[in-house]
């Protein structure tokens, strides 16, 4: 009887451990998705700022070259 109780206890711990792991995986996936969304938004914002700065630098450089040619 004691052996049966020990086997059942170990089996129940195995089921509990498997159940908690699934919840943890879902939480990790959810957090990873949120991080990817925030990182994507930050990347888009930085890319937009960099493109704007590049455009301004290019136009200033062109204006400088044009003024030196005259």
PDB file of N, CA and C in Angstrom:
ATOM      1  N   UNK A   1       0.825  -1.191   0.000  1.00  0.00           N
ATOM      2  CA  UNK A   1       0.000   0.000   0.000  1.00  0.00           C
ATOM      3  C   UNK A   1       0.872   1.258   0.000  1.00  0.00           C
ATOM      4  N   UNK A   2       1.970   1.234   0.748  1.00  0.00           N
ATOM      5  CA  UNK A   2       2.848   2.388   0.797  1.00  0.00           C
ATOM      6  C   UNK A   2       3.479   2.645  -0.568  1.00  0.00           C
ATOM      7  N   UNK A   3       3.840   1.567  -1.273  1.00  0.00           N
ATOM      8  CA  UNK A   3       4.457   1.712  -2.586  1.00  0.00           C
ATOM      9  C   UNK A   3       3.461   2.329  -3.564  1.00  0.00           C
ATOM     10  N   UNK A   4       2.209   1.908  -3.502  1.00  0.00           N
ATOM     11  CA  UNK A   4       1.174   2.454  -4.361  1.00  0.00           C
ATOM     12  C   UNK A   4       0.976   3.947  -4.079  1.00  0.00           C
ATOM     13  N   UNK A   5       0.982   4.308  -2.802  1.00  0.00           N
ATOM     14  CA  UNK A   5       0.827   5.712  -2.429  1.00  0.00           C
ATOM     15  C   UNK A   5       1.986   6.550  -2.968  1.00  0.00           C
ATOM     16  N   UNK A   6       3.207   6.041  -2.874  1.00  0.00           N
ATOM     17  CA  UNK A   6       4.382   6.758  -3.371  1.00  0.00           C
ATOM     18  C   UNK A   6       4.301   6.911  -4.896  1.00  0.00           C
ATOM     19  N   UNK A   7       3.894   5.866  -5.589  1.00  0.00           N
ATOM     20  CA  UNK A   7       3.775   5.936  -7.051  1.00  0.00           C
ATOM     21  C   UNK A   7       2.716   6.961  -7.441  1.00  0.00           C
ATOM     22  N   UNK A   8       1.588   6.959  -6.759  1.00  0.00           N
ATOM     23  CA  UNK A   8       0.541   7.933  -7.051  1.00  0.00           C
ATOM     24  C   UNK A   8       0.990   9.362  -6.737  1.00  0.00           C
ATOM     25  N   UNK A   9       1.750   9.531  -5.662  1.00  0.00           N
ATOM     26  CA  UNK A   9       2.244  10.861  -5.296  1.00  0.00           C
ATOM     27  C   UNK A   9       3.216  11.381  -6.356  1.00  0.00           C
ATOM     28  N   UNK A  10       4.111  10.520  -6.807  1.00  0.00           N
ATOM     29  CA  UNK A  10       5.067  10.930  -7.842  1.00  0.00           C
ATOM     30  C   UNK A  10       4.337  11.247  -9.147  1.00  0.00           C
ATOM     31  N   UNK A  11       3.360  10.438  -9.507  1.00  0.00           N
ATOM     32  CA  UNK A  11       2.593  10.668 -10.725  1.00  0.00           C
ATOM     33  C   UNK A  11       1.820  11.987 -10.639  1.00  0.00           C
ATOM     34  N   UNK A  12       1.231  12.270  -9.490  1.00  0.00           N
ATOM     35  CA  UNK A  12       0.478  13.523  -9.341  1.00  0.00           C
ATOM     36  C   UNK A  12       1.409  14.727  -9.413  1.00  0.00           C
ATOM     37  N   UNK A  13       2.612  14.614  -8.870  1.00  0.00           N
ATOM     38  CA  UNK A  13       3.582  15.705  -8.988  1.00  0.00           C
ATOM     39  C   UNK A  13       3.978  15.924 -10.453  1.00  0.00           C
ATOM     40  N   UNK A  14       4.071  14.831 -11.189  1.00  0.00           N
ATOM     41  CA  UNK A  14       4.390  14.945 -12.612  1.00  0.00           C
ATOM     42  C   UNK A  14       3.302  15.686 -13.368  1.00  0.00           C
ATOM     43  N   UNK A  15       2.038  15.402 -13.057  1.00  0.00           N
ATOM     44  CA  UNK A  15       0.936  16.100 -13.719  1.00  0.00           C
ATOM     45  C   UNK A  15       0.906  17.575 -13.343  1.00  0.00           C
ATOM     46  N   UNK A  16       1.179  17.869 -12.093  1.00  0.00           N
ATOM     47  CA  UNK A  16       1.186  19.259 -11.642  1.00  0.00           C
ATOM     48  C   UNK A  16       2.326  20.018 -12.315  1.00  0.00           C
ATOM     49  N   UNK A  17       3.480  19.401 -12.405  1.00  0.00           N
ATOM     50  CA  UNK A  17       4.628  20.050 -13.031  1.00  0.00           C
ATOM     51  C   UNK A  17       4.355  20.312 -14.511  1.00  0.00           C
ATOM     52  N   UNK A  18       3.751  19.388 -15.198  1.00  0.00           N
ATOM     53  CA  UNK A  18       3.430  19.579 -16.615  1.00  0.00           C
ATOM     54  C   UNK A  18       2.413  20.693 -16.796  1.00  0.00           C
ATOM     55  N   UNK A  19       1.443  20.777 -15.906  1.00  0.00           N
ATOM     56  CA  UNK A  19       0.423  21.807 -15.997  1.00  0.00           C
ATOM     57  C   UNK A  19       1.018  23.187 -15.796  1.00  0.00           C
ATOM     58  N   UNK A  20       1.909  23.364 -14.840  1.00  0.00           N
ATOM     59  CA  UNK A  20       2.527  24.658 -14.594  1.00  0.00           C
ATOM     60  C   UNK A  20       3.441  25.058 -15.742  1.00  0.00           C
ATOM     61  N   UNK A  21       4.083  24.119 -16.353  1.00  0.00           N
ATOM     62  CA  UNK A  21       4.986  24.422 -17.458  1.00  0.00           C
ATOM     63  C   UNK A  21       4.218  25.014 -18.631  1.00  0.00           C
ATOM     64  N   UNK A  22       3.052  24.504 -18.918  1.00  0.00           N
ATOM     65  CA  UNK A  22       2.254  25.010 -20.024  1.00  0.00           C
ATOM     66  C   UNK A  22       1.847  26.457 -19.770  1.00  0.00           C
ATOM     67  N   UNK A  23       1.479  26.782 -18.546  1.00  0.00           N
ATOM     68  CA  UNK A  23       1.108  28.150 -18.216  1.00  0.00           C
ATOM     69  C   UNK A  23       2.314  29.070 -18.338  1.00  0.00           C
ATOM     70  N   UNK A  24       3.455  28.604 -17.908  1.00  0.00           N
ATOM     71  CA  UNK A  24       4.669  29.403 -17.989  1.00  0.00           C
ATOM     72  C   UNK A  24       5.039  29.660 -19.446  1.00  0.00           C
ATOM     73  N   UNK A  25       4.915  28.639 -20.290  1.00  0.00           N
ATOM     74  CA  UNK A  25       5.215  28.822 -21.704  1.00  0.00           C
ATOM     75  C   UNK A  25       4.292  29.857 -22.338  1.00  0.00           C
ATOM     76  N   UNK A  26       3.021  29.822 -21.967  1.00  0.00           N
ATOM     77  CA  UNK A  26       2.073  30.788 -22.507  1.00  0.00           C
ATOM     78  C   UNK A  26       2.423  32.195 -22.042  1.00  0.00           C
ATOM     79  N   UNK A  27       2.815  32.330 -20.789  1.00  0.00           N
ATOM     80  CA  UNK A  27       3.191  33.648 -20.265  1.00  0.00           C
ATOM     81  C   UNK A  27       4.462  34.146 -20.939  1.00  0.00           C
ATOM     82  N   UNK A  28       5.403  33.261 -21.152  1.00  0.00           N
ATOM     83  CA  UNK A  28       6.653  33.645 -21.820  1.00  0.00           C
ATOM     84  C   UNK A  28       6.368  34.043 -23.262  1.00  0.00           C
ATOM     85  N   UNK A  29       5.524  33.288 -23.949  1.00  0.00           N
ATOM     86  CA  UNK A  29       5.164  33.626 -25.331  1.00  0.00           C
ATOM     87  C   UNK A  29       4.473  34.983 -25.396  1.00  0.00           C
ATOM     88  N   UNK A  30       3.588  35.234 -24.454  1.00  0.00           N
ATOM     89  CA  UNK A  30       2.874  36.506 -24.420  1.00  0.00           C
ATOM     90  C   UNK A  30       3.837  37.655 -24.175  1.00  0.00           C
ATOM     91  N   UNK A  31       4.748  37.479 -23.234  1.00  0.00           N
ATOM     92  CA  UNK A  31       5.732  38.516 -22.945  1.00  0.00           C
ATOM     93  C   UNK A  31       6.657  38.726 -24.135  1.00  0.00           C
ATOM     94  N   UNK A  32       7.043  37.649 -24.790  1.00  0.00           N
ATOM     95  CA  UNK A  32       7.924  37.761 -25.959  1.00  0.00           C
ATOM     96  C   UNK A  32       7.218  38.513 -27.084  1.00  0.00           C
ATOM     97  N   UNK A  33       5.938  38.260 -27.269  1.00  0.00           N
ATOM     98  CA  UNK A  33       5.178  38.968 -28.304  1.00  0.00           C
ATOM     99  C   UNK A  33       5.099  40.459 -28.004  1.00  0.00           C
ATOM    100  N   UNK A  34       4.891  40.798 -26.724  1.00  0.00           N
ATOM    101  CA  UNK A  34       4.816  42.209 -26.344  1.00  0.00           C
ATOM    102  C   UNK A  34       6.160  42.890 -26.558  1.00  0.00           C
ATOM    103  N   UNK A  35       7.241  42.202 -26.208  1.00  0.00           N
ATOM    104  CA  UNK A  35       8.576  42.766 -26.396  1.00  0.00           C
ATOM    105  C   UNK A  35       8.850  42.981 -27.879  1.00  0.00           C
ATOM    106  N   UNK A  36       8.469  42.015 -28.709  1.00  0.00           N
ATOM    107  CA  UNK A  36       8.665  42.155 -30.153  1.00  0.00           C
ATOM    108  C   UNK A  36       7.865  43.328 -30.713  1.00  0.00           C
ATOM    109  N   UNK A  37       6.648  43.521 -30.222  1.00  0.00           N
ATOM    110  CA  UNK A  37       5.827  44.640 -30.691  1.00  0.00           C
ATOM    111  C   UNK A  37       6.460  45.976 -30.315  1.00  0.00           C
ATOM    112  N   UNK A  38       6.910  46.087 -29.069  1.00  0.00           N
ATOM    113  CA  UNK A  38       7.518  47.334 -28.602  1.00  0.00           C
ATOM    114  C   UNK A  38       8.831  47.585 -29.341  1.00  0.00           C
ATOM    115  N   UNK A  39       9.619  46.527 -29.521  1.00  0.00           N
ATOM    116  CA  UNK A  39      10.883  46.673 -30.241  1.00  0.00           C
ATOM    117  C   UNK A  39      10.641  47.071 -31.692  1.00  0.00           C
ATOM    118  N   UNK A  40       9.643  46.492 -32.309  1.00  0.00           N
ATOM    119  CA  UNK A  40       9.304  46.851 -33.683  1.00  0.00           C
ATOM    120  C   UNK A  40       8.871  48.303 -33.804  1.00  0.00           C
ATOM    121  N   UNK A  41       8.062  48.748 -32.854  1.00  0.00           N
ATOM    122  CA  UNK A  41       7.619  50.143 -32.867  1.00  0.00           C
ATOM    123  C   UNK A  41       8.801  51.085 -32.650  1.00  0.00           C
ATOM    124  N   UNK A  42       9.694  50.734 -31.743  1.00  0.00           N
ATOM    125  CA  UNK A  42      10.880  51.560 -31.494  1.00  0.00           C
ATOM    126  C   UNK A  42      11.774  51.592 -32.721  1.00  0.00           C
ATOM    127  N   UNK A  43      11.932  50.461 -33.371  1.00  0.00           N
ATOM    128  CA  UNK A  43      12.765  50.399 -34.578  1.00  0.00           C
ATOM    129  C   UNK A  43      12.171  51.274 -35.671  1.00  0.00           C
ATOM    130  N   UNK A  44      10.860  51.213 -35.851  1.00  0.00           N
ATOM    131  CA  UNK A  44      10.202  52.035 -36.864  1.00  0.00           C
ATOM    132  C   UNK A  44      10.384  53.517 -36.560  1.00  0.00           C
ATOM    133  N   UNK A  45      10.261  53.878 -35.287  1.00  0.00           N
ATOM    134  CA  UNK A  45      10.420  55.269 -34.882  1.00  0.00           C
ATOM    135  C   UNK A  45      11.847  55.755 -35.137  1.00  0.00           C
ATOM    136  N   UNK A  46      12.819  54.940 -34.763  1.00  0.00           N
ATOM    137  CA  UNK A  46      14.219  55.312 -34.963  1.00  0.00           C
ATOM    138  C   UNK A  46      14.548  55.393 -36.444  1.00  0.00           C
ATOM    139  N   UNK A  47      14.016  54.467 -37.226  1.00  0.00           N
ATOM    140  CA  UNK A  47      14.243  54.492 -38.674  1.00  0.00           C
ATOM    141  C   UNK A  47      13.671  55.766 -39.284  1.00  0.00           C
ATOM    142  N   UNK A  48      12.505  56.156 -38.847  1.00  0.00           N
ATOM    143  CA  UNK A  48      11.873  57.375 -39.342  1.00  0.00           C
ATOM    144  C   UNK A  48      12.726  58.599 -39.000  1.00  0.00           C
ATOM    145  N   UNK A  49      13.218  58.672 -37.785  1.00  0.00           N
ATOM    146  CA  UNK A  49      14.057  59.795 -37.358  1.00  0.00           C
ATOM    147  C   UNK A  49      15.365  59.808 -38.146  1.00  0.00           C
ATOM    148  N   UNK A  50      15.964  58.639 -38.333  1.00  0.00           N
ATOM    149  CA  UNK A  50      17.222  58.549 -39.082  1.00  0.00           C
ATOM    150  C   UNK A  50      17.022  58.958 -40.534  1.00  0.00           C
ATOM    151  N   UNK A  51      15.928  58.545 -41.140  1.00  0.00           N
ATOM    152  CA  UNK A  51      15.641  58.927 -42.523  1.00  0.00           C
ATOM    153  C   UNK A  51      15.451  60.439 -42.646  1.00  0.00           C
ATOM    154  N   UNK A  52      14.755  61.021 -41.681  1.00  0.00           N
ATOM    155  CA  UNK A  52      14.544  62.467 -41.683  1.00  0.00           C
ATOM    156  C   UNK A  52      15.870  63.201 -41.542  1.00  0.00           C
ATOM    157  N   UNK A  53      16.713  62.748 -40.625  1.00  0.00           N
ATOM    158  CA  UNK A  53      18.020  63.382 -40.431  1.00  0.00           C
ATOM    159  C   UNK A  53      18.887  63.229 -41.674  1.00  0.00           C
ATOM    160  N   UNK A  54      18.857  62.064 -42.285  1.00  0.00           N
ATOM    161  CA  UNK A  54      19.638  61.830 -43.507  1.00  0.00           C
ATOM    162  C   UNK A  54      19.180  62.761 -44.619  1.00  0.00           C
ATOM    163  N   UNK A  55      17.884  62.940 -44.735  1.00  0.00           N
ATOM    164  CA  UNK A  55      17.330  63.830 -45.755  1.00  0.00           C
ATOM    165  C   UNK A  55      17.789  65.265 -45.526  1.00  0.00           C
ATOM    166  N   UNK A  56      17.748  65.716 -44.283  1.00  0.00           N
ATOM    167  CA  UNK A  56      18.175  67.077 -43.966  1.00  0.00           C
ATOM    168  C   UNK A  56      19.670  67.265 -44.225  1.00  0.00           C
ATOM    169  N   UNK A  57      20.464  66.276 -43.865  1.00  0.00           N
ATOM    170  CA  UNK A  57      21.913  66.349 -44.101  1.00  0.00           C
ATOM    171  C   UNK A  57      22.205  66.373 -45.589  1.00  0.00           C
ATOM    172  N   UNK A  58      21.521  65.538 -46.348  1.00  0.00           N
ATOM    173  CA  UNK A  58      21.723  65.509 -47.798  1.00  0.00           C
ATOM    174  C   UNK A  58      21.363  66.835 -48.445  1.00  0.00           C
ATOM    175  N   UNK A  59      20.237  67.419 -48.016  1.00  0.00           N
ATOM    176  CA  UNK A  59      19.833  68.700 -48.608  1.00  0.00           C
ATOM    177  C   UNK A  59      20.803  69.809 -48.213  1.00  0.00           C
ATOM    178  N   UNK A  60      21.308  69.784 -46.980  1.00  0.00           N
ATOM    179  CA  UNK A  60      22.290  70.788 -46.569  1.00  0.00           C
ATOM    180  C   UNK A  60      23.596  70.609 -47.324  1.00  0.00           C
ATOM    181  N   UNK A  61      24.022  69.389 -47.545  1.00  0.00           N
ATOM    182  CA  UNK A  61      25.241  69.133 -48.297  1.00  0.00           C
ATOM    183  C   UNK A  61      25.089  69.581 -49.734  1.00  0.00           C
ATOM    184  N   UNK A  62      23.942  69.330 -50.321  1.00  0.00           N
ATOM    185  CA  UNK A  62      23.698  69.752 -51.707  1.00  0.00           C
ATOM    186  C   UNK A  62      23.688  71.270 -51.811  1.00  0.00           C
ATOM    187  N   UNK A  63      23.070  71.923 -50.838  1.00  0.00           N
ATOM    188  CA  UNK A  63      23.051  73.379 -50.843  1.00  0.00           C
ATOM    189  C   UNK A  63      24.457  73.952 -50.701  1.00  0.00           C
ATOM    190  N   UNK A  64      25.269  73.318 -49.871  1.00  0.00           N
ATOM    191  CA  UNK A  64      26.657  73.757 -49.710  1.00  0.00           C
ATOM    192  C   UNK A  64      27.439  73.586 -50.992  1.00  0.00           C
ATOM    193  N   UNK A  65      27.280  72.451 -51.650  1.00  0.00           N
ATOM    194  CA  UNK A  65      27.984  72.192 -52.905  1.00  0.00           C
ATOM    195  C   UNK A  65      27.520  73.182 -53.965  1.00  0.00           C
ATOM    196  N   UNK A  66      26.229  73.442 -54.027  1.00  0.00           N
ATOM    197  CA  UNK A  66      25.703  74.397 -55.004  1.00  0.00           C
ATOM    198  C   UNK A  66      26.244  75.806 -54.759  1.00  0.00           C
ATOM    199  N   UNK A  67      26.327  76.207 -53.496  1.00  0.00           N
ATOM    200  CA  UNK A  67      26.834  77.549 -53.190  1.00  0.00           C
ATOM    201  C   UNK A  67      28.328  77.662 -53.493  1.00  0.00           C
ATOM    202  N   UNK A  68      29.075  76.580 -53.376  1.00  0.00           N
ATOM    203  CA  UNK A  68      30.500  76.609 -53.676  1.00  0.00           C
ATOM    204  C   UNK A  68      30.758  76.632 -55.188  1.00  0.00           C
ATOM    205  N   UNK A  69      29.848  76.093 -55.962  1.00  0.00           N
ATOM    206  CA  UNK A  69      29.991  76.066 -57.412  1.00  0.00           C
ATOM    207  C   UNK A  69      29.794  77.462 -58.005  1.00  0.00           C
ATOM    208  N   UNK A  70      29.017  78.310 -57.361  1.00  0.00           N
ATOM    209  CA  UNK A  70      28.694  79.638 -57.904  1.00  0.00           C
ATOM    210  C   UNK A  70      29.832  80.545 -57.717  1.00  0.00           C
TER     211      UNK A  70
END
